[in-house]
Protein backbone atom coordinates (compact mmCIF):
# COMPACT_ATOMS: atom_id res chain seq x y z
CA MET A 1 105.64 111.79 185.93
CA SER A 2 101.77 111.99 186.61
CA ASP A 3 99.46 113.76 184.58
CA THR A 4 99.29 116.56 187.26
CA ALA A 5 102.87 117.07 187.27
CA TYR A 6 103.45 119.30 184.01
CA ILE A 7 103.68 123.30 184.18
CA PRO A 8 103.76 124.55 180.71
CA PRO A 9 107.14 126.52 180.24
CA LYS A 10 106.58 130.62 179.08
CA VAL A 11 107.85 129.17 175.85
CA TRP A 12 107.33 125.98 174.13
CA THR A 13 110.60 124.65 172.29
CA TRP A 14 110.73 121.60 170.34
CA THR A 15 112.48 118.36 172.11
CA LYS A 16 112.01 115.82 169.48
CA ALA A 17 112.49 112.92 172.40
CA ASN A 18 108.85 114.23 173.68
CA GLY A 19 106.52 112.68 170.97
CA GLY A 20 106.33 108.92 171.61
CA ARG A 21 106.44 106.23 169.01
CA PHE A 22 105.73 108.81 166.13
CA ALA A 23 108.07 112.03 167.70
CA ASN A 24 109.70 111.66 163.93
CA ILE A 25 107.10 112.10 161.67
CA ASN A 26 105.94 115.44 163.25
CA ARG A 27 108.18 118.81 163.37
CA PRO A 28 106.70 122.39 163.99
CA VAL A 29 108.04 124.04 160.88
CA SER A 30 107.20 123.17 157.42
CA GLY A 31 109.28 122.77 153.87
CA PRO A 32 111.43 120.08 152.75
CA THR A 33 114.53 118.42 154.74
CA HIS A 34 116.32 117.11 151.46
CA GLU A 35 116.04 116.98 147.87
CA LEU A 36 114.54 114.25 146.08
CA GLU A 37 112.23 113.87 143.45
CA LEU A 38 109.34 111.53 143.20
CA PRO A 39 108.85 108.73 140.67
CA ARG A 40 106.39 108.81 137.86
CA GLY A 41 104.70 106.07 136.21
CA LYS A 42 103.28 105.76 133.17
CA HIS A 43 99.45 106.57 134.29
CA PRO A 44 98.03 110.12 134.47
CA LEU A 45 97.22 109.63 137.94
CA GLN A 46 99.92 109.40 140.21
CA LEU A 47 99.12 108.72 143.80
CA TYR A 48 101.96 109.02 146.80
CA SER A 49 100.50 107.69 149.85
CA LEU A 50 100.82 104.97 152.43
CA GLY A 51 97.83 102.66 153.86
CA THR A 52 96.79 104.23 156.72
CA PRO A 53 92.83 105.09 157.03
CA ASN A 54 93.42 108.42 154.95
CA GLY A 55 95.45 106.77 152.42
CA ILE A 56 92.78 103.90 151.84
CA LYS A 57 89.83 106.67 151.37
CA VAL A 58 91.83 107.12 148.12
CA THR A 59 92.85 104.05 146.77
CA VAL A 60 89.37 102.42 147.92
CA MET A 61 87.63 105.37 145.31
CA LEU A 62 90.31 104.60 142.62
CA GLU A 63 89.51 101.00 142.51
CA GLU A 64 85.96 101.85 143.00
CA LEU A 65 85.89 103.96 139.78
CA LEU A 66 88.19 101.34 137.85
CA ALA A 67 84.99 99.14 138.84
CA LEU A 68 82.57 101.05 137.38
CA GLY A 69 84.30 100.96 133.81
CA HIS A 70 86.27 104.62 134.35
CA GLN A 71 89.70 103.45 132.44
CA GLY A 72 91.15 107.04 133.00
CA ALA A 73 91.04 105.86 136.85
CA GLU A 74 93.88 103.69 136.14
CA TYR A 75 96.63 104.97 138.45
CA ASP A 76 100.45 104.34 140.04
CA ALA A 77 100.24 104.21 143.73
CA TRP A 78 103.99 104.73 145.13
CA LEU A 79 104.65 103.98 148.78
CA ILE A 80 105.68 106.99 151.38
CA ARG A 81 107.16 105.78 154.44
CA ILE A 82 106.52 108.61 156.29
CA ASN A 83 108.68 106.87 159.42
CA GLU A 84 111.58 107.46 157.12
CA GLY A 85 110.46 111.24 156.47
CA MET A 86 109.65 110.92 152.69
CA GLN A 87 106.79 112.93 153.31
CA PHE A 88 109.54 115.45 153.84
CA SER A 89 111.41 115.50 150.10
CA SER A 90 111.10 118.60 148.05
CA GLY A 91 109.50 116.60 145.45
CA PHE A 92 106.78 115.52 147.97
CA VAL A 93 106.61 119.19 149.77
CA GLY A 94 105.84 120.34 146.04
CA VAL A 95 102.75 118.29 145.82
CA ASN A 96 101.14 118.62 149.51
CA PRO A 97 103.14 121.72 151.12
CA ASN A 98 101.32 120.33 154.17
CA SER A 99 103.82 116.77 154.13
CA LYS A 100 100.40 114.64 154.72
CA ILE A 101 99.44 111.83 152.88
CA PRO A 102 97.91 111.37 150.60
CA ALA A 103 99.22 113.36 148.00
CA LEU A 104 97.78 113.08 144.11
CA MET A 105 98.84 114.39 140.83
CA ASP A 106 96.88 114.29 137.65
CA TYR A 107 98.76 114.67 134.51
CA SER A 108 95.60 114.18 132.47
CA THR A 109 94.93 117.93 132.31
CA PRO A 110 96.08 121.01 130.44
CA GLN A 111 98.36 121.65 133.38
CA PRO A 112 99.48 119.19 136.22
CA GLN A 113 97.57 119.31 138.63
CA ARG A 114 97.92 118.49 142.18
CA VAL A 115 95.48 117.55 144.93
CA PHE A 116 96.26 117.14 148.36
CA GLU A 117 94.18 116.45 151.82
CA SER A 118 92.12 113.01 151.35
CA GLY A 119 88.78 114.80 151.19
CA SER A 120 89.76 117.00 148.64
CA ILE A 121 91.02 113.89 146.43
CA LEU A 122 87.64 112.28 147.16
CA PHE A 123 85.92 115.34 145.91
CA TYR A 124 88.35 115.96 142.94
CA LEU A 125 87.66 112.45 141.55
CA ALA A 126 83.81 112.37 141.84
CA GLU A 127 83.86 115.66 140.12
CA LYS A 128 86.24 114.14 137.53
CA PHE A 129 84.48 111.23 136.79
CA LYS A 130 80.98 112.38 137.81
CA ALA A 131 80.66 109.06 139.98
CA PHE A 132 79.79 108.46 143.80
CA LEU A 133 78.77 111.98 144.64
CA PRO A 134 74.68 112.97 143.89
CA THR A 135 73.48 115.25 141.28
CA ASP A 136 70.64 115.92 143.32
CA ILE A 137 71.21 119.05 145.48
CA ALA A 138 69.86 117.96 148.63
CA LYS A 139 71.66 114.72 148.49
CA ARG A 140 74.59 115.93 147.03
CA THR A 141 74.69 118.66 150.40
CA GLU A 142 74.05 115.59 153.02
CA CYS A 143 76.73 114.01 151.08
CA MET A 144 78.98 116.69 151.48
CA SER A 145 78.04 117.46 155.06
CA TRP A 146 79.14 113.96 156.16
CA LEU A 147 82.24 114.07 154.36
CA MET A 148 83.43 117.26 156.11
CA TRP A 149 82.39 115.47 159.17
CA GLN A 150 84.69 112.90 158.60
CA MET A 151 87.18 115.49 158.15
CA GLY A 152 86.40 117.54 161.45
CA SER A 153 85.99 114.70 163.55
CA ALA A 154 89.27 112.24 162.13
CA PRO A 155 91.57 114.21 164.57
CA TYR A 156 89.68 113.28 167.43
CA LEU A 157 89.63 109.64 166.76
CA GLY A 158 93.55 109.14 165.30
CA GLY A 159 95.39 112.32 167.01
CA GLY A 160 93.18 112.30 169.88
CA PHE A 161 92.26 108.96 171.29
CA GLY A 162 94.28 106.64 169.13
CA HIS A 163 97.73 108.30 170.01
CA PHE A 164 96.78 109.37 174.10
CA TYR A 165 95.53 105.45 174.07
CA ALA A 166 97.63 103.43 172.04
CA TYR A 167 100.87 105.83 171.44
CA ALA A 168 101.59 108.06 173.68
CA PRO A 169 104.97 107.48 175.74
CA THR A 170 102.56 108.23 179.26
CA LYS A 171 99.00 107.44 179.71
CA ILE A 172 97.42 110.20 180.80
CA GLU A 173 93.90 109.58 182.34
CA TYR A 174 92.26 113.09 181.59
CA ALA A 175 93.60 112.81 177.89
CA ILE A 176 92.16 109.49 177.12
CA ASP A 177 88.92 110.29 179.01
CA ARG A 178 88.38 113.17 177.53
CA PHE A 179 89.02 111.66 173.63
CA ALA A 180 87.25 108.19 174.33
CA MET A 181 84.08 110.28 175.50
CA GLU A 182 84.25 112.37 172.36
CA VAL A 183 84.88 109.08 170.11
CA LYS A 184 81.83 107.73 171.46
CA ARG A 185 79.78 110.59 170.76
CA GLU A 186 80.94 110.27 167.37
CA LEU A 187 79.73 106.72 166.96
CA ASP A 188 76.95 107.52 168.14
CA VAL A 189 76.28 110.17 165.41
CA LEU A 190 77.08 107.54 162.97
CA ASN A 191 75.05 104.72 164.33
CA GLN A 192 71.90 107.04 164.65
CA ARG A 193 72.20 107.71 161.07
CA LEU A 194 72.65 104.13 159.77
CA ALA A 195 69.90 103.59 161.63
CA GLN A 196 67.95 105.15 159.41
CA ASN A 197 69.90 104.76 156.19
CA ARG A 198 71.89 101.92 154.18
CA PHE A 199 74.19 104.44 153.69
CA VAL A 200 76.10 107.74 155.43
CA GLY A 201 74.69 109.74 152.48
CA GLY A 202 71.40 108.13 152.30
CA ASP A 203 70.24 105.08 149.88
CA GLU A 204 73.57 105.84 147.93
CA TYR A 205 76.74 104.43 148.59
CA THR A 206 79.32 107.87 147.87
CA ILE A 207 82.52 109.46 148.82
CA ALA A 208 81.18 110.00 152.24
CA ASP A 209 81.47 106.24 153.01
CA MET A 210 84.73 105.82 151.51
CA ALA A 211 86.18 108.51 153.70
CA ILE A 212 83.97 107.42 157.24
CA TRP A 213 84.99 103.74 156.50
CA PRO A 214 88.71 103.52 157.09
CA TRP A 215 88.43 105.23 160.46
CA TYR A 216 84.85 104.53 162.25
CA GLY A 217 84.42 101.21 160.23
CA SER A 218 87.48 99.50 161.36
CA LEU A 219 86.84 100.72 165.12
CA ALA A 220 83.68 99.61 165.40
CA LYS A 221 84.89 95.98 164.23
CA GLY A 222 87.59 96.13 166.57
CA GLU A 223 90.21 96.62 164.39
CA ARG A 224 91.88 99.91 165.63
CA TYR A 225 93.80 100.58 168.57
CA GLU A 226 92.86 97.00 170.07
CA SER A 227 90.56 99.37 171.87
CA GLY A 228 87.37 97.48 171.01
CA GLU A 229 86.41 96.49 174.55
CA PHE A 230 87.29 99.78 176.47
CA LEU A 231 85.28 101.64 173.71
CA GLN A 232 82.40 99.05 173.82
CA VAL A 233 82.28 99.05 170.10
CA HIS A 234 79.57 96.41 170.15
CA GLU A 235 76.77 98.60 171.29
CA TYR A 236 76.86 100.28 167.81
CA THR A 237 75.21 97.88 165.94
CA HIS A 238 74.00 99.58 162.60
CA VAL A 239 77.57 101.10 162.54
CA ILE A 240 78.72 97.15 162.71
CA ARG A 241 76.30 96.28 159.75
CA TRP A 242 77.45 99.22 157.46
CA ALA A 243 80.79 98.34 158.17
CA ASP A 244 80.52 94.68 157.00
CA GLU A 245 78.70 95.85 153.83
CA ILE A 246 81.22 97.96 152.72
CA GLU A 247 83.83 95.80 153.41
CA ALA A 248 82.46 92.83 151.02
CA ARG A 249 82.97 95.01 147.98
CA PRO A 250 85.58 93.62 146.08
CA ALA A 251 86.92 97.50 145.57
CA VAL A 252 87.07 98.25 149.16
CA GLN A 253 89.29 94.87 149.50
CA ARG A 254 91.89 96.01 146.82
CA GLY A 255 92.14 99.21 148.21
CA ARG A 256 92.71 98.64 151.58
CA MET A 257 95.79 96.72 150.31
CA VAL A 258 97.48 99.42 148.30
CA ASN A 259 100.66 100.85 150.15
CA ARG A 260 100.43 98.79 152.96
CA VAL A 261 102.74 97.87 154.98
CA MET A 262 101.28 96.32 158.38
CA GLY A 263 99.32 92.88 159.08
CA PRO A 264 100.05 89.89 156.84
CA LEU A 265 102.12 89.88 153.81
CA SER A 266 98.84 88.44 152.02
CA MET A 267 97.14 91.75 152.72
CA GLN A 268 99.80 94.13 151.63
CA LEU A 269 100.45 95.46 148.39
CA HIS A 270 103.61 98.05 148.63
CA GLU A 271 103.31 99.60 145.05
CA ARG A 272 100.33 99.35 142.58
CA HIS A 273 100.77 100.28 138.82
CA ASP A 274 98.43 97.61 137.33
CA ALA A 275 95.66 95.40 138.34
CA SER A 276 97.50 92.83 137.82
CA ASP A 277 99.34 93.53 140.96
CA PHE A 278 96.99 92.57 142.72
CA ASP A 279 97.66 88.78 141.44
CA LEU A 280 99.37 86.93 144.37
CA ARG A 281 102.55 86.05 142.59
CA THR A 282 103.32 89.87 140.99
CA GLN A 283 102.19 90.80 145.07
CA ASP A 284 104.66 88.39 146.43
CA LYS A 285 107.17 89.70 143.56
CA LEU A 286 106.88 92.84 144.80
CA GLN A 287 107.41 92.13 148.70
CA LYS A 288 110.38 90.67 148.10
CA LYS A 289 111.81 93.76 146.42
CA GLU A 290 111.43 95.50 149.90
C-alpha cells in the first residue's frame, strides 16, 4: 500500500495487527491486564526495567553512584520483558500507571516511594544522593534544561524515526523523511553544544549526559537502527567525541549491561542483585536460567 492510499476513518478503532513488530506492547487503554506481584530483593532500591535506552539511563546512574561510594545506591534490577506484557501486570502498574519501563521503588523512605519516568528517576536519585546535579543555580538550570530536552526529543528519535525507519511494517517516505530531518536537527543542536563544552551541561558530568548518551551517543556511533550511513552520523564529530568519553567510563559499561537481552551474551546481565553479578562466571549462571 502506498503512503497516499490511506484515508482516516471518521472513528479510529484499534486493530492489533497494524502495529508492526511492537504491536503487542502498545494499546489504547491503561491499567493492568493480569494480577501479578513484582519481586522484591534485599536492597532498598528496586528497579524494574529493560536494557533499552531509557532503562540504561537509570542503571548507569546507579552504577555511577556506587562508584562514588554511595552504598545506599545498591539495588536489585529485575527484568521486565515488555514483549511478553510484563509491564501490564498489576504490580508493575502499581509502580508506573503508564506501563513503561523503567520504574523504581525506594523502600528507604518512611513510606515506600514509587518513581516513574526515566528523567524523574534520574532527578530523584541525584537529589537523594546529592550527586551528578550541580548546586550552582545557573549550572543546575542548564543541566535540567538539557535533561528536559532529551525527554522531549526522544519520541522523535525512538517513536518517530526509529519506528518508521526500522520497525514499521510499511516504509512510508513522508514519515521517514519527516523524522530523519528532525533527528538530524537534534544531532546538530547537540553537536554545536558539545563543540563548546566537554559535557552537555558544561564542564561537569551530570544526569543530562546519562539521559542523552544512551539515545544520541549510540546513534552517533552508528549503533542504532543501522542508520549511520543514512543519517551521515560521522558529520557530528563533537557528539562522537563526547560519546566515546562517556562510553569509556567503567560505571557506564556496567550500567549498559543490566537488564539487557540483546547483543552478545557477554554484554548481557539479565538481572542484577549484587556487584558480584558482573563477574562473568556469575553472569553466565544467570543467563543459563533463561
